[in-house]
Amino acid sequence: MKKLIVLLAIALLLPVLAFADQKNTGCGLGTLIIKDANSVFLQTLVVTTNASTYTQTFGITSGTSNCSKSKFVQNDKLNYFVDSNMDVIAHDIAKGEGESLNTIADLMNIDIEKRSDFFLTLQKNFSNIYTSDKIQAAEVIDNINMFILS
């Protein structure tokens, strides 16, 4: 029985060791401290450092610590609002106007002069935003994000 457990552990560990030289640790303080994480141990140390210091999350939102800043960073208020108002948002997108769209535009920092075009774009792409009746709020946000005007 012990031999079986050891063999199983080796079989599960070999793929991890084979890919240990890949840079799959992302960004954050750990990647600044350990620049060449070419082993499972070092990659684990990088990820642990990032997680324990929360620098990866900060780096992603600020574009620091070897992280790229995305054009749009979702925030808790937007997530909560969309999750709490899925039906109202769907209705307002279908109309191309409404209080919920104004709130989304505020939370997404859409310029006031671009909002009417933004709302019209959302209306025209309703079926690309609400892709099913079982869609989740995070998916709606991702889908809306595709139509942010530059």
C-alpha atoms as a PDB file:
ATOM      1  CA  MET A   1       0.000   0.000   0.000  1.00  0.00           C
ATOM      2  CA  LYS A   2       2.836   2.388   0.852  1.00  0.00           C
ATOM      3  CA  LYS A   3       4.497   1.655  -2.503  1.00  0.00           C
ATOM      4  CA  LEU A   4       1.277   2.527  -4.289  1.00  0.00           C
ATOM      5  CA  ILE A   5       1.032   5.848  -2.462  1.00  0.00           C
ATOM      6  CA  VAL A   6       4.677   6.671  -3.253  1.00  0.00           C
ATOM      7  CA  LEU A   7       4.203   5.782  -6.928  1.00  0.00           C
ATOM      8  CA  LEU A   8       1.055   7.865  -7.098  1.00  0.00           C
ATOM      9  CA  ALA A   9       2.815  10.821  -5.488  1.00  0.00           C
ATOM     10  CA  ILE A  10       5.705  10.549  -7.964  1.00  0.00           C
ATOM     11  CA  ALA A  11       3.293  10.308 -10.893  1.00  0.00           C
ATOM     12  CA  LEU A  12       1.509  13.455  -9.740  1.00  0.00           C
ATOM     13  CA  LEU A  13       4.735  15.338  -9.002  1.00  0.00           C
ATOM     14  CA  LEU A  14       6.564  14.591 -12.276  1.00  0.00           C
ATOM     15  CA  PRO A  15       4.463  16.929 -14.435  1.00  0.00           C
ATOM     16  CA  VAL A  16       4.996  19.717 -11.920  1.00  0.00           C
ATOM     17  CA  LEU A  17       8.753  19.186 -11.953  1.00  0.00           C
ATOM     18  CA  ALA A  18       8.839  18.976 -15.739  1.00  0.00           C
ATOM     19  CA  PHE A  19       7.321  22.444 -16.040  1.00  0.00           C
ATOM     20  CA  ALA A  20       9.218  24.027 -13.169  1.00  0.00           C
ATOM     21  CA  ASP A  21      11.176  26.270 -15.507  1.00  0.00           C
ATOM     22  CA  GLN A  22       8.041  28.000 -16.796  1.00  0.00           C
ATOM     23  CA  LYS A  23       7.274  31.482 -15.537  1.00  0.00           C
ATOM     24  CA  ASN A  24       3.821  30.878 -14.150  1.00  0.00           C
ATOM     25  CA  THR A  25       4.072  33.035 -11.072  1.00  0.00           C
ATOM     26  CA  GLY A  26       2.657  36.213 -12.558  1.00  0.00           C
ATOM     27  CA  CYS A  27       3.750  39.509 -11.101  1.00  0.00           C
ATOM     28  CA  GLY A  28       4.159  41.086  -7.669  1.00  0.00           C
ATOM     29  CA  LEU A  29       6.832  41.596  -5.030  1.00  0.00           C
ATOM     30  CA  GLY A  30       7.900  37.956  -5.273  1.00  0.00           C
ATOM     31  CA  THR A  31       8.920  38.429  -8.928  1.00  0.00           C
ATOM     32  CA  LEU A  32      10.974  41.486  -7.977  1.00  0.00           C
ATOM     33  CA  ILE A  33      12.816  39.649  -5.200  1.00  0.00           C
ATOM     34  CA  ILE A  34      13.313  36.330  -7.030  1.00  0.00           C
ATOM     35  CA  LYS A  35      14.011  37.169 -10.654  1.00  0.00           C
ATOM     36  CA  ASP A  36      14.798  33.665 -11.900  1.00  0.00           C
ATOM     37  CA  ALA A  37      12.227  31.315 -10.382  1.00  0.00           C
ATOM     38  CA  ASN A  38      13.286  28.217 -12.300  1.00  0.00           C
ATOM     39  CA  SER A  39      12.282  25.567  -9.785  1.00  0.00           C
ATOM     40  CA  VAL A  40       9.075  24.529  -8.119  1.00  0.00           C
ATOM     41  CA  PHE A  41      10.457  25.658  -4.762  1.00  0.00           C
ATOM     42  CA  LEU A  42      11.328  29.160  -6.026  1.00  0.00           C
ATOM     43  CA  GLN A  43       8.035  29.520  -7.866  1.00  0.00           C
ATOM     44  CA  THR A  44       6.195  28.507  -4.702  1.00  0.00           C
ATOM     45  CA  LEU A  45       8.222  31.073  -2.761  1.00  0.00           C
ATOM     46  CA  VAL A  46       7.340  33.786  -5.327  1.00  0.00           C
ATOM     47  CA  VAL A  47       3.636  32.974  -5.201  1.00  0.00           C
ATOM     48  CA  THR A  48       3.657  32.785  -1.391  1.00  0.00           C
ATOM     49  CA  THR A  49       5.390  36.171  -1.196  1.00  0.00           C
ATOM     50  CA  ASN A  50       2.856  37.705  -3.568  1.00  0.00           C
ATOM     51  CA  ALA A  51      -0.085  36.235  -1.665  1.00  0.00           C
ATOM     52  CA  SER A  52       1.153  37.112   1.807  1.00  0.00           C
ATOM     53  CA  THR A  53       1.963  40.722   0.905  1.00  0.00           C
ATOM     54  CA  TYR A  54      -1.005  41.322  -1.453  1.00  0.00           C
ATOM     55  CA  THR A  55       1.423  42.922  -3.905  1.00  0.00           C
ATOM     56  CA  GLN A  56       0.116  41.042  -6.921  1.00  0.00           C
ATOM     57  CA  THR A  57      -3.368  42.510  -6.510  1.00  0.00           C
ATOM     58  CA  PHE A  58      -1.930  45.982  -5.981  1.00  0.00           C
ATOM     59  CA  GLY A  59       0.443  45.547  -8.908  1.00  0.00           C
ATOM     60  CA  ILE A  60      -2.348  44.532 -11.260  1.00  0.00           C
ATOM     61  CA  THR A  61      -4.469  47.545 -10.327  1.00  0.00           C
ATOM     62  CA  SER A  62      -1.580  50.027 -10.351  1.00  0.00           C
ATOM     63  CA  GLY A  63       0.613  48.623 -13.124  1.00  0.00           C
ATOM     64  CA  THR A  64       3.633  48.169 -10.820  1.00  0.00           C
ATOM     65  CA  SER A  65       5.697  45.190  -9.586  1.00  0.00           C
ATOM     66  CA  ASN A  66       6.173  43.725 -13.088  1.00  0.00           C
ATOM     67  CA  CYS A  67       2.398  43.846 -13.682  1.00  0.00           C
ATOM     68  CA  SER A  68       0.651  45.398 -16.662  1.00  0.00           C
ATOM     69  CA  LYS A  69      -2.127  47.815 -15.843  1.00  0.00           C
ATOM     70  CA  SER A  70      -5.312  46.892 -17.613  1.00  0.00           C
ATOM     71  CA  LYS A  71      -7.513  49.535 -19.225  1.00  0.00           C
ATOM     72  CA  PHE A  72     -10.368  48.610 -16.923  1.00  0.00           C
ATOM     73  CA  VAL A  73     -10.118  47.259 -13.418  1.00  0.00           C
ATOM     74  CA  GLN A  74     -13.305  45.871 -11.982  1.00  0.00           C
ATOM     75  CA  ASN A  75     -14.177  47.149  -8.572  1.00  0.00           C
ATOM     76  CA  ASP A  76     -16.253  45.798  -5.754  1.00  0.00           C
ATOM     77  CA  LYS A  77     -18.940  48.463  -6.136  1.00  0.00           C
ATOM     78  CA  LEU A  78     -19.453  47.581  -9.800  1.00  0.00           C
ATOM     79  CA  ASN A  79     -19.536  43.845  -9.056  1.00  0.00           C
ATOM     80  CA  TYR A  80     -22.048  44.348  -6.260  1.00  0.00           C
ATOM     81  CA  PHE A  81     -24.221  46.705  -8.296  1.00  0.00           C
ATOM     82  CA  VAL A  82     -24.417  44.438 -11.339  1.00  0.00           C
ATOM     83  CA  ASP A  83     -24.989  41.341  -9.216  1.00  0.00           C
ATOM     84  CA  SER A  84     -27.827  43.063  -7.345  1.00  0.00           C
ATOM     85  CA  ASN A  85     -29.502  44.553 -10.416  1.00  0.00           C
ATOM     86  CA  MET A  86     -29.191  42.031 -13.243  1.00  0.00           C
ATOM     87  CA  ASP A  87     -32.825  42.290 -14.388  1.00  0.00           C
ATOM     88  CA  VAL A  88     -32.972  46.092 -14.200  1.00  0.00           C
ATOM     89  CA  ILE A  89     -29.689  46.389 -16.102  1.00  0.00           C
ATOM     90  CA  ALA A  90     -30.941  44.014 -18.792  1.00  0.00           C
ATOM     91  CA  HIS A  91     -34.107  46.094 -19.129  1.00  0.00           C
ATOM     92  CA  ASP A  92     -32.166  49.369 -19.349  1.00  0.00           C
ATOM     93  CA  ILE A  93     -29.698  47.976 -21.875  1.00  0.00           C
ATOM     94  CA  ALA A  94     -32.626  46.815 -24.006  1.00  0.00           C
ATOM     95  CA  LYS A  95     -34.054  50.374 -23.842  1.00  0.00           C
ATOM     96  CA  GLY A  96     -30.643  52.009 -24.344  1.00  0.00           C
ATOM     97  CA  GLU A  97     -31.127  54.275 -21.339  1.00  0.00           C
ATOM     98  CA  GLY A  98     -31.873  54.235 -17.651  1.00  0.00           C
ATOM     99  CA  GLU A  99     -30.611  54.874 -14.163  1.00  0.00           C
ATOM    100  CA  SER A 100     -28.741  51.567 -13.970  1.00  0.00           C
ATOM    101  CA  LEU A 101     -26.757  52.413 -17.113  1.00  0.00           C
ATOM    102  CA  ASN A 102     -25.833  55.789 -15.656  1.00  0.00           C
ATOM    103  CA  THR A 103     -24.624  54.055 -12.501  1.00  0.00           C
ATOM    104  CA  ILE A 104     -22.580  51.555 -14.522  1.00  0.00           C
ATOM    105  CA  ALA A 105     -21.094  54.398 -16.555  1.00  0.00           C
ATOM    106  CA  ASP A 106     -20.164  56.192 -13.317  1.00  0.00           C
ATOM    107  CA  LEU A 107     -18.566  53.065 -11.845  1.00  0.00           C
ATOM    108  CA  MET A 108     -16.690  52.409 -15.107  1.00  0.00           C
ATOM    109  CA  ASN A 109     -15.557  56.041 -15.406  1.00  0.00           C
ATOM    110  CA  ILE A 110     -17.199  56.577 -18.797  1.00  0.00           C
ATOM    111  CA  ASP A 111     -16.959  60.251 -19.795  1.00  0.00           C
ATOM    112  CA  ILE A 112     -20.327  62.007 -19.742  1.00  0.00           C
ATOM    113  CA  GLU A 113     -20.012  63.113 -23.369  1.00  0.00           C
ATOM    114  CA  LYS A 114     -19.456  59.487 -24.465  1.00  0.00           C
ATOM    115  CA  ARG A 115     -22.323  57.950 -22.514  1.00  0.00           C
ATOM    116  CA  SER A 116     -25.082  58.203 -25.120  1.00  0.00           C
ATOM    117  CA  ASP A 117     -22.858  56.416 -27.658  1.00  0.00           C
ATOM    118  CA  PHE A 118     -21.900  53.874 -24.995  1.00  0.00           C
ATOM    119  CA  PHE A 119     -25.567  53.197 -24.145  1.00  0.00           C
ATOM    120  CA  LEU A 120     -26.474  52.867 -27.831  1.00  0.00           C
ATOM    121  CA  THR A 121     -23.602  50.419 -28.341  1.00  0.00           C
ATOM    122  CA  LEU A 122     -24.772  48.350 -25.381  1.00  0.00           C
ATOM    123  CA  GLN A 123     -28.327  48.364 -26.721  1.00  0.00           C
ATOM    124  CA  LYS A 124     -27.199  47.194 -30.163  1.00  0.00           C
ATOM    125  CA  ASN A 125     -25.163  44.419 -28.533  1.00  0.00           C
ATOM    126  CA  PHE A 126     -27.695  43.271 -25.950  1.00  0.00           C
ATOM    127  CA  SER A 127     -27.487  39.634 -27.083  1.00  0.00           C
ATOM    128  CA  ASN A 128     -23.675  39.755 -26.800  1.00  0.00           C
ATOM    129  CA  ILE A 129     -23.919  41.048 -23.223  1.00  0.00           C
ATOM    130  CA  TYR A 130     -26.762  38.898 -21.892  1.00  0.00           C
ATOM    131  CA  THR A 131     -25.798  35.706 -23.688  1.00  0.00           C
ATOM    132  CA  SER A 132     -28.122  33.400 -21.723  1.00  0.00           C
ATOM    133  CA  ASP A 133     -30.774  33.507 -19.044  1.00  0.00           C
ATOM    134  CA  LYS A 134     -28.320  31.883 -16.625  1.00  0.00           C
ATOM    135  CA  ILE A 135     -25.524  34.445 -17.111  1.00  0.00           C
ATOM    136  CA  GLN A 136     -23.616  35.588 -14.044  1.00  0.00           C
ATOM    137  CA  ALA A 137     -22.832  39.193 -13.082  1.00  0.00           C
ATOM    138  CA  ALA A 138     -19.090  38.794 -13.722  1.00  0.00           C
ATOM    139  CA  GLU A 139     -19.812  37.659 -17.280  1.00  0.00           C
ATOM    140  CA  VAL A 140     -22.115  40.633 -17.857  1.00  0.00           C
ATOM    141  CA  ILE A 141     -19.354  42.964 -16.663  1.00  0.00           C
ATOM    142  CA  ASP A 142     -16.807  41.271 -18.919  1.00  0.00           C
ATOM    143  CA  ASN A 143     -19.191  41.516 -21.854  1.00  0.00           C
ATOM    144  CA  ILE A 144     -19.946  45.200 -21.185  1.00  0.00           C
ATOM    145  CA  ASN A 145     -16.230  45.826 -20.879  1.00  0.00           C
ATOM    146  CA  MET A 146     -15.802  44.800 -24.531  1.00  0.00           C
ATOM    147  CA  PHE A 147     -17.808  47.853 -25.572  1.00  0.00           C
ATOM    148  CA  ILE A 148     -16.083  50.576 -23.570  1.00  0.00           C
ATOM    149  CA  LEU A 149     -15.448  53.436 -25.956  1.00  0.00           C
ATOM    150  CA  SER A 150     -11.912  54.763 -26.160  1.00  0.00           C
END
